[in-house]
Amino acid sequence: MPEIEFTIDTETGKCETEIKGIQGAACEKAAKELKQLLGTPTVDKKTKEFYAKPEIKQQIRGK
């Protein structure tokens, strides 16, 4: 299940977010929406989950 984790440093006010359970273009879309809400991040790095290829289920149909 997709989730977004927020970590806020109470001393500096720095907020870190991590998007989990979303891959590729859908992750980019979620990140873009977060940027609109929170502003432009000072650091933007992609996790290995971003680069994972979504599973494609093949269906074999008989004639």
C-alpha atoms as a PDB file:
ATOM      1  CA  MET A   1       0.000   0.000   0.000  1.00  0.00           C
ATOM      2  CA  PRO A   2       1.454   3.405  -0.957  1.00  0.00           C
ATOM      3  CA  GLU A   3       2.390   5.795   1.814  1.00  0.00           C
ATOM      4  CA  ILE A   4       4.252   9.048   2.359  1.00  0.00           C
ATOM      5  CA  GLU A   5       6.489   9.321   5.400  1.00  0.00           C
ATOM      6  CA  PHE A   6       7.250  12.740   6.911  1.00  0.00           C
ATOM      7  CA  THR A   7      10.153  13.360   9.289  1.00  0.00           C
ATOM      8  CA  ILE A   8      10.277  16.804  10.890  1.00  0.00           C
ATOM      9  CA  ASP A   9      13.295  18.015  12.839  1.00  0.00           C
ATOM     10  CA  THR A  10      11.728  20.016  15.672  1.00  0.00           C
ATOM     11  CA  GLU A  11      14.921  22.002  16.268  1.00  0.00           C
ATOM     12  CA  THR A  12      15.549  23.175  12.705  1.00  0.00           C
ATOM     13  CA  GLY A  13      12.065  22.812  11.202  1.00  0.00           C
ATOM     14  CA  LYS A  14      13.537  20.749   8.352  1.00  0.00           C
ATOM     15  CA  CYS A  15      10.970  18.380   6.848  1.00  0.00           C
ATOM     16  CA  GLU A  16      11.964  15.237   4.948  1.00  0.00           C
ATOM     17  CA  THR A  17       9.469  13.183   2.984  1.00  0.00           C
ATOM     18  CA  GLU A  18       9.783   9.711   1.533  1.00  0.00           C
ATOM     19  CA  ILE A  19       7.286   8.213  -0.894  1.00  0.00           C
ATOM     20  CA  LYS A  20       6.926   4.454  -0.475  1.00  0.00           C
ATOM     21  CA  GLY A  21       5.053   1.888  -2.525  1.00  0.00           C
ATOM     22  CA  ILE A  22       4.797   3.943  -5.722  1.00  0.00           C
ATOM     23  CA  GLN A  23       7.043   3.323  -8.730  1.00  0.00           C
ATOM     24  CA  GLY A  24       8.145   5.284 -11.794  1.00  0.00           C
ATOM     25  CA  ALA A  25       5.902   7.918 -13.325  1.00  0.00           C
ATOM     26  CA  ALA A  26       3.250   7.574 -10.616  1.00  0.00           C
ATOM     27  CA  CYS A  27       5.928   8.412  -8.023  1.00  0.00           C
ATOM     28  CA  GLU A  28       6.921  11.503 -10.015  1.00  0.00           C
ATOM     29  CA  LYS A  29       3.287  12.617 -10.060  1.00  0.00           C
ATOM     30  CA  ALA A  30       2.971  12.164  -6.284  1.00  0.00           C
ATOM     31  CA  ALA A  31       6.254  14.047  -5.742  1.00  0.00           C
ATOM     32  CA  LYS A  32       5.054  16.894  -7.961  1.00  0.00           C
ATOM     33  CA  GLU A  33       1.866  17.230  -5.915  1.00  0.00           C
ATOM     34  CA  LEU A  34       3.916  17.257  -2.694  1.00  0.00           C
ATOM     35  CA  LYS A  35       6.150  19.998  -4.118  1.00  0.00           C
ATOM     36  CA  GLN A  36       3.055  22.114  -4.778  1.00  0.00           C
ATOM     37  CA  LEU A  37       1.993  21.702  -1.143  1.00  0.00           C
ATOM     38  CA  LEU A  38       5.382  21.929   0.583  1.00  0.00           C
ATOM     39  CA  GLY A  39       7.491  23.983  -1.811  1.00  0.00           C
ATOM     40  CA  THR A  40      10.617  23.080  -3.731  1.00  0.00           C
ATOM     41  CA  PRO A  41      12.860  20.635  -1.859  1.00  0.00           C
ATOM     42  CA  THR A  42      16.502  21.426  -1.145  1.00  0.00           C
ATOM     43  CA  VAL A  43      17.396  17.818  -2.001  1.00  0.00           C
ATOM     44  CA  ASP A  44      15.496  15.522  -4.342  1.00  0.00           C
ATOM     45  CA  LYS A  45      16.779  11.965  -4.663  1.00  0.00           C
ATOM     46  CA  LYS A  46      15.148   8.929  -6.152  1.00  0.00           C
ATOM     47  CA  THR A  47      15.194   5.595  -4.343  1.00  0.00           C
ATOM     48  CA  LYS A  48      15.742   2.225  -5.994  1.00  0.00           C
ATOM     49  CA  GLU A  49      11.978   1.691  -5.727  1.00  0.00           C
ATOM     50  CA  PHE A  50      11.481   4.551  -8.212  1.00  0.00           C
ATOM     51  CA  TYR A  51      13.602   2.723 -10.783  1.00  0.00           C
ATOM     52  CA  ALA A  52      11.898  -0.663 -10.276  1.00  0.00           C
ATOM     53  CA  LYS A  53       9.928  -1.846 -13.253  1.00  0.00           C
ATOM     54  CA  PRO A  54       6.259  -2.550 -12.494  1.00  0.00           C
ATOM     55  CA  GLU A  55       5.219  -6.169 -12.740  1.00  0.00           C
ATOM     56  CA  ILE A  56       3.278  -6.927 -15.874  1.00  0.00           C
ATOM     57  CA  LYS A  57       0.991  -9.908 -15.667  1.00  0.00           C
ATOM     58  CA  GLN A  58       0.653 -11.815 -18.894  1.00  0.00           C
ATOM     59  CA  GLN A  59      -2.504 -13.581 -19.820  1.00  0.00           C
ATOM     60  CA  ILE A  60      -2.382 -16.466 -22.236  1.00  0.00           C
ATOM     61  CA  ARG A  61      -5.566 -16.997 -24.161  1.00  0.00           C
ATOM     62  CA  GLY A  62      -6.402 -20.229 -25.877  1.00  0.00           C
ATOM     63  CA  LYS A  63      -7.893 -20.359 -29.350  1.00  0.00           C
END
